[in-house]
Amino acid sequence: QVRLVESGGGLVQPGGSLRLSCTASGFTFNTAAMTWFRQTPGRLRELVAAITETGDTTNYMDSVRGRFTISRDNDKNTVDLEMNSLKPEDTAVYYCSVLLRSNRHWGQGTQVTVSS
């Protein structure tokens, strides 16, 4: 079955950096676009970044563009999210996700907390 496992979250000070990683299995990774979402309590899950199957095209939500970078390694079945210049408002649970045949699959999420 589809499995997405995130890692790399933690506590970081404002202005700091973190790198999240997601390891995928159970589907043909190099044929699927991959995405990162985030969610804070009481709010809807929001799309942070997306990357196409080949990695040629990426998209970001406005508030992270220029600070976050999504990338993938199709040999290792991983998709990463490099987060720089972190702000307290980036605090959230971050989820790796993939849409396969109209079904969206999620990882378990990893907590990112930006605080001094």
N, C-alpha and C. Protein backbone atom coordinates (compact mmCIF):
# COMPACT_ATOMS: atom_id res chain seq x y z
N GLN A 1 0.84 -1.19 0.00
CA GLN A 1 0.00 0.00 0.00
C GLN A 1 0.88 1.25 0.00
N VAL A 2 0.24 2.37 -0.28
CA VAL A 2 0.97 3.63 -0.31
C VAL A 2 1.41 3.99 1.11
N ARG A 3 2.67 4.38 1.21
CA ARG A 3 3.20 4.80 2.51
C ARG A 3 4.07 6.02 2.31
N LEU A 4 3.81 7.02 3.15
CA LEU A 4 4.60 8.26 3.14
C LEU A 4 5.08 8.50 4.56
N VAL A 5 6.37 8.64 4.74
CA VAL A 5 6.94 8.82 6.07
C VAL A 5 7.78 10.09 6.09
N GLU A 6 7.33 11.05 6.90
CA GLU A 6 8.03 12.33 7.02
C GLU A 6 9.04 12.28 8.16
N SER A 7 10.06 13.11 8.04
CA SER A 7 11.04 13.27 9.11
C SER A 7 11.65 14.65 9.01
N GLY A 8 12.32 15.08 10.07
CA GLY A 8 13.07 16.32 10.02
C GLY A 8 12.45 17.50 10.74
N GLY A 9 11.28 17.33 11.31
CA GLY A 9 10.67 18.44 12.05
C GLY A 9 11.38 18.70 13.35
N GLY A 10 10.97 19.77 14.03
CA GLY A 10 11.56 20.08 15.31
C GLY A 10 11.33 21.51 15.71
N LEU A 11 12.08 21.95 16.72
CA LEU A 11 12.00 23.31 17.23
C LEU A 11 13.17 24.12 16.69
N VAL A 12 12.87 25.28 16.17
CA VAL A 12 13.89 26.15 15.61
C VAL A 12 13.57 27.59 15.94
N GLN A 13 14.59 28.40 16.08
CA GLN A 13 14.38 29.82 16.38
C GLN A 13 13.98 30.58 15.11
N PRO A 14 13.29 31.69 15.26
CA PRO A 14 12.97 32.52 14.09
C PRO A 14 14.24 32.86 13.32
N GLY A 15 14.13 32.78 12.00
CA GLY A 15 15.28 33.01 11.15
C GLY A 15 16.09 31.77 10.85
N GLY A 16 15.79 30.70 11.53
CA GLY A 16 16.53 29.45 11.36
C GLY A 16 16.05 28.63 10.18
N SER A 17 16.63 27.45 10.04
CA SER A 17 16.33 26.57 8.92
C SER A 17 16.04 25.16 9.39
N LEU A 18 15.22 24.47 8.61
CA LEU A 18 14.96 23.05 8.80
C LEU A 18 14.80 22.42 7.43
N ARG A 19 15.12 21.12 7.38
CA ARG A 19 14.90 20.37 6.15
C ARG A 19 14.02 19.17 6.47
N LEU A 20 12.85 19.13 5.84
CA LEU A 20 11.94 18.00 5.99
C LEU A 20 12.18 17.02 4.85
N SER A 21 12.00 15.74 5.17
CA SER A 21 12.14 14.72 4.14
C SER A 21 10.96 13.77 4.21
N CYS A 22 10.55 13.28 3.06
CA CYS A 22 9.46 12.31 2.97
C CYS A 22 9.92 11.14 2.11
N THR A 23 9.84 9.95 2.67
CA THR A 23 10.18 8.73 1.93
C THR A 23 8.90 8.02 1.53
N ALA A 24 8.78 7.74 0.23
CA ALA A 24 7.55 7.17 -0.31
C ALA A 24 7.75 5.72 -0.74
N SER A 25 6.68 4.96 -0.65
CA SER A 25 6.70 3.58 -1.12
C SER A 25 5.29 3.15 -1.47
N GLY A 26 5.18 2.06 -2.24
CA GLY A 26 3.87 1.51 -2.57
C GLY A 26 3.27 2.03 -3.85
N PHE A 27 3.99 2.87 -4.57
CA PHE A 27 3.53 3.35 -5.87
C PHE A 27 4.75 3.72 -6.69
N THR A 28 4.51 3.99 -7.97
CA THR A 28 5.61 4.33 -8.87
C THR A 28 5.95 5.80 -8.68
N PHE A 29 6.94 6.05 -7.89
CA PHE A 29 7.23 7.41 -7.42
C PHE A 29 7.49 8.37 -8.56
N ASN A 30 8.23 7.95 -9.57
CA ASN A 30 8.63 8.90 -10.62
C ASN A 30 7.51 9.21 -11.61
N THR A 31 6.30 8.73 -11.34
CA THR A 31 5.16 9.08 -12.18
C THR A 31 4.15 9.94 -11.42
N ALA A 32 4.49 10.37 -10.21
CA ALA A 32 3.54 11.11 -9.37
C ALA A 32 4.09 12.46 -8.95
N ALA A 33 3.26 13.49 -9.13
CA ALA A 33 3.59 14.78 -8.53
C ALA A 33 3.49 14.65 -7.02
N MET A 34 4.33 15.40 -6.32
CA MET A 34 4.35 15.31 -4.85
C MET A 34 4.10 16.69 -4.25
N THR A 35 3.54 16.70 -3.06
CA THR A 35 3.19 17.96 -2.42
C THR A 35 3.51 17.92 -0.93
N TRP A 36 3.70 19.09 -0.38
CA TRP A 36 3.78 19.30 1.06
C TRP A 36 2.62 20.22 1.47
N PHE A 37 1.91 19.82 2.52
CA PHE A 37 0.85 20.62 3.12
C PHE A 37 1.27 20.93 4.55
N ARG A 38 0.55 21.87 5.15
CA ARG A 38 0.72 22.11 6.57
C ARG A 38 -0.63 22.46 7.20
N GLN A 39 -0.70 22.25 8.50
CA GLN A 39 -1.96 22.51 9.20
C GLN A 39 -1.67 22.97 10.62
N THR A 40 -2.41 24.00 11.05
CA THR A 40 -2.38 24.46 12.42
C THR A 40 -3.75 24.22 13.04
N PRO A 41 -3.82 24.13 14.36
CA PRO A 41 -5.10 23.84 15.00
C PRO A 41 -6.18 24.84 14.61
N GLY A 42 -7.33 24.33 14.26
CA GLY A 42 -8.46 25.19 13.93
C GLY A 42 -8.46 25.71 12.51
N ARG A 43 -7.47 25.32 11.74
CA ARG A 43 -7.40 25.82 10.36
C ARG A 43 -7.37 24.65 9.38
N LEU A 44 -7.79 24.94 8.16
CA LEU A 44 -7.74 23.92 7.11
C LEU A 44 -6.30 23.63 6.73
N ARG A 45 -6.08 22.42 6.26
CA ARG A 45 -4.76 22.06 5.77
C ARG A 45 -4.50 22.86 4.49
N GLU A 46 -3.31 23.45 4.37
CA GLU A 46 -3.02 24.30 3.23
C GLU A 46 -1.81 23.78 2.45
N LEU A 47 -1.88 23.96 1.14
CA LEU A 47 -0.81 23.51 0.26
C LEU A 47 0.39 24.44 0.38
N VAL A 48 1.53 23.91 0.70
CA VAL A 48 2.74 24.70 0.87
C VAL A 48 3.57 24.70 -0.42
N ALA A 49 3.79 23.51 -0.98
CA ALA A 49 4.66 23.41 -2.16
C ALA A 49 4.32 22.14 -2.93
N ALA A 50 4.58 22.20 -4.22
CA ALA A 50 4.33 21.05 -5.08
C ALA A 50 5.45 20.92 -6.09
N ILE A 51 5.67 19.69 -6.53
CA ILE A 51 6.72 19.44 -7.52
C ILE A 51 6.21 18.37 -8.49
N THR A 52 6.49 18.57 -9.77
CA THR A 52 6.04 17.63 -10.79
C THR A 52 6.85 16.33 -10.75
N GLU A 53 6.41 15.37 -11.56
CA GLU A 53 7.01 14.04 -11.55
C GLU A 53 8.51 14.07 -11.80
N THR A 54 8.92 14.92 -12.73
CA THR A 54 10.34 14.98 -13.09
C THR A 54 11.11 15.99 -12.25
N GLY A 55 10.40 16.82 -11.50
CA GLY A 55 11.07 17.86 -10.72
C GLY A 55 11.32 19.14 -11.50
N ASP A 56 10.84 19.18 -12.73
CA ASP A 56 11.12 20.34 -13.57
C ASP A 56 10.34 21.58 -13.15
N THR A 57 9.20 21.38 -12.54
CA THR A 57 8.33 22.51 -12.18
C THR A 57 7.95 22.42 -10.72
N THR A 58 8.04 23.56 -10.06
CA THR A 58 7.64 23.65 -8.65
C THR A 58 6.70 24.82 -8.45
N ASN A 59 5.88 24.74 -7.42
CA ASN A 59 4.97 25.83 -7.07
C ASN A 59 4.94 25.98 -5.57
N TYR A 60 4.70 27.22 -5.12
CA TYR A 60 4.72 27.51 -3.69
C TYR A 60 3.56 28.43 -3.32
N MET A 61 3.12 28.30 -2.09
CA MET A 61 2.17 29.29 -1.59
C MET A 61 2.93 30.60 -1.42
N ASP A 62 2.18 31.70 -1.53
CA ASP A 62 2.82 33.02 -1.57
C ASP A 62 3.68 33.28 -0.34
N SER A 63 3.22 32.87 0.82
CA SER A 63 3.91 33.25 2.05
C SER A 63 5.25 32.51 2.25
N VAL A 64 5.52 31.47 1.47
CA VAL A 64 6.79 30.75 1.63
C VAL A 64 7.69 30.89 0.41
N ARG A 65 7.16 31.45 -0.66
CA ARG A 65 7.96 31.56 -1.88
C ARG A 65 9.22 32.38 -1.62
N GLY A 66 10.36 31.86 -2.05
CA GLY A 66 11.63 32.53 -1.81
C GLY A 66 12.31 32.10 -0.53
N ARG A 67 11.57 31.42 0.35
CA ARG A 67 12.16 30.92 1.60
C ARG A 67 12.22 29.39 1.63
N PHE A 68 11.24 28.74 1.00
CA PHE A 68 11.17 27.28 1.00
C PHE A 68 11.54 26.76 -0.39
N THR A 69 12.14 25.57 -0.42
CA THR A 69 12.47 24.91 -1.68
C THR A 69 12.08 23.44 -1.61
N ILE A 70 11.26 23.02 -2.56
CA ILE A 70 10.88 21.61 -2.65
C ILE A 70 11.77 20.94 -3.69
N SER A 71 12.18 19.72 -3.41
CA SER A 71 13.01 18.97 -4.36
C SER A 71 12.69 17.48 -4.20
N ARG A 72 13.11 16.70 -5.18
CA ARG A 72 12.86 15.27 -5.11
C ARG A 72 14.03 14.49 -5.68
N ASP A 73 14.15 13.25 -5.22
CA ASP A 73 15.15 12.33 -5.73
C ASP A 73 14.42 11.07 -6.16
N ASN A 74 14.25 10.90 -7.46
CA ASN A 74 13.47 9.76 -7.96
C ASN A 74 14.22 8.44 -7.84
N ASP A 75 15.50 8.48 -7.57
CA ASP A 75 16.25 7.24 -7.33
C ASP A 75 16.04 6.74 -5.90
N LYS A 76 15.82 7.68 -4.98
CA LYS A 76 15.66 7.33 -3.57
C LYS A 76 14.19 7.38 -3.11
N ASN A 77 13.29 7.78 -4.02
CA ASN A 77 11.87 7.92 -3.67
C ASN A 77 11.67 8.87 -2.50
N THR A 78 12.33 10.00 -2.57
CA THR A 78 12.19 10.99 -1.51
C THR A 78 11.81 12.35 -2.08
N VAL A 79 11.11 13.12 -1.28
CA VAL A 79 10.81 14.51 -1.60
C VAL A 79 11.10 15.32 -0.35
N ASP A 80 11.86 16.38 -0.52
CA ASP A 80 12.32 17.20 0.59
C ASP A 80 11.72 18.59 0.54
N LEU A 81 11.69 19.23 1.70
CA LEU A 81 11.28 20.63 1.79
C LEU A 81 12.33 21.36 2.63
N GLU A 82 13.14 22.16 1.96
CA GLU A 82 14.13 22.98 2.64
C GLU A 82 13.45 24.28 3.05
N MET A 83 13.50 24.60 4.34
CA MET A 83 12.80 25.77 4.86
C MET A 83 13.82 26.70 5.50
N ASN A 84 13.93 27.90 4.96
CA ASN A 84 14.87 28.89 5.46
C ASN A 84 14.12 30.13 5.95
N SER A 85 14.82 30.96 6.71
CA SER A 85 14.22 32.20 7.23
C SER A 85 12.87 31.93 7.88
N LEU A 86 12.83 30.93 8.70
CA LEU A 86 11.56 30.51 9.29
C LEU A 86 10.99 31.57 10.20
N LYS A 87 9.66 31.66 10.19
CA LYS A 87 8.92 32.62 10.99
C LYS A 87 8.00 31.88 11.95
N PRO A 88 7.61 32.52 13.03
CA PRO A 88 6.67 31.86 13.96
C PRO A 88 5.39 31.38 13.27
N GLU A 89 4.95 32.11 12.26
CA GLU A 89 3.72 31.71 11.55
C GLU A 89 3.91 30.48 10.67
N ASP A 90 5.13 29.98 10.54
CA ASP A 90 5.37 28.72 9.84
C ASP A 90 5.14 27.51 10.75
N THR A 91 4.92 27.78 12.03
CA THR A 91 4.66 26.69 12.98
C THR A 91 3.40 25.92 12.56
N ALA A 92 3.56 24.61 12.40
CA ALA A 92 2.46 23.77 11.93
C ALA A 92 2.92 22.32 11.92
N VAL A 93 1.97 21.44 11.69
CA VAL A 93 2.30 20.06 11.34
C VAL A 93 2.40 20.01 9.82
N TYR A 94 3.48 19.50 9.33
CA TYR A 94 3.73 19.42 7.89
C TYR A 94 3.51 17.99 7.41
N TYR A 95 2.77 17.89 6.29
CA TYR A 95 2.40 16.59 5.75
C TYR A 95 2.90 16.44 4.32
N CYS A 96 3.44 15.30 4.03
CA CYS A 96 3.76 14.90 2.67
C CYS A 96 2.50 14.25 2.08
N SER A 97 2.25 14.49 0.80
CA SER A 97 1.02 13.98 0.21
C SER A 97 1.19 13.67 -1.26
N VAL A 98 0.37 12.70 -1.71
CA VAL A 98 0.35 12.36 -3.13
C VAL A 98 -1.08 12.02 -3.52
N LEU A 99 -1.45 12.45 -4.74
CA LEU A 99 -2.77 12.16 -5.28
C LEU A 99 -2.63 11.06 -6.32
N LEU A 100 -3.28 9.93 -6.07
CA LEU A 100 -3.19 8.79 -6.96
C LEU A 100 -4.60 8.33 -7.30
N ARG A 101 -4.94 8.37 -8.60
CA ARG A 101 -6.27 7.92 -9.05
C ARG A 101 -7.37 8.52 -8.20
N SER A 102 -7.33 9.83 -8.03
CA SER A 102 -8.34 10.60 -7.31
C SER A 102 -8.36 10.35 -5.80
N ASN A 103 -7.43 9.57 -5.30
CA ASN A 103 -7.31 9.36 -3.85
C ASN A 103 -6.06 10.08 -3.34
N ARG A 104 -6.28 10.92 -2.33
CA ARG A 104 -5.13 11.61 -1.76
C ARG A 104 -4.63 10.83 -0.55
N HIS A 105 -3.35 10.62 -0.54
CA HIS A 105 -2.69 9.89 0.53
C HIS A 105 -1.81 10.84 1.34
N TRP A 106 -1.75 10.58 2.63
CA TRP A 106 -1.02 11.45 3.56
C TRP A 106 -0.02 10.66 4.38
N GLY A 107 1.04 11.35 4.75
CA GLY A 107 1.93 10.82 5.76
C GLY A 107 1.35 11.12 7.14
N GLN A 108 2.12 10.76 8.17
CA GLN A 108 1.64 10.95 9.53
C GLN A 108 1.85 12.38 10.02
N GLY A 109 2.69 13.13 9.29
CA GLY A 109 2.95 14.52 9.66
C GLY A 109 4.16 14.65 10.56
N THR A 110 4.79 15.81 10.49
CA THR A 110 5.92 16.13 11.36
C THR A 110 5.77 17.55 11.86
N GLN A 111 5.95 17.74 13.16
CA GLN A 111 5.73 19.05 13.79
C GLN A 111 6.92 19.96 13.56
N VAL A 112 6.63 21.16 13.11
CA VAL A 112 7.64 22.23 13.01
C VAL A 112 7.19 23.36 13.93
N THR A 113 8.05 23.74 14.85
CA THR A 113 7.75 24.82 15.77
C THR A 113 8.84 25.88 15.66
N VAL A 114 8.41 27.09 15.35
CA VAL A 114 9.35 28.22 15.22
C VAL A 114 9.10 29.15 16.39
N SER A 115 10.05 29.20 17.30
CA SER A 115 9.85 29.98 18.52
C SER A 115 11.19 30.28 19.15
N SER A 116 11.25 31.45 19.80
CA SER A 116 12.46 31.82 20.52
C SER A 116 12.34 31.41 21.98
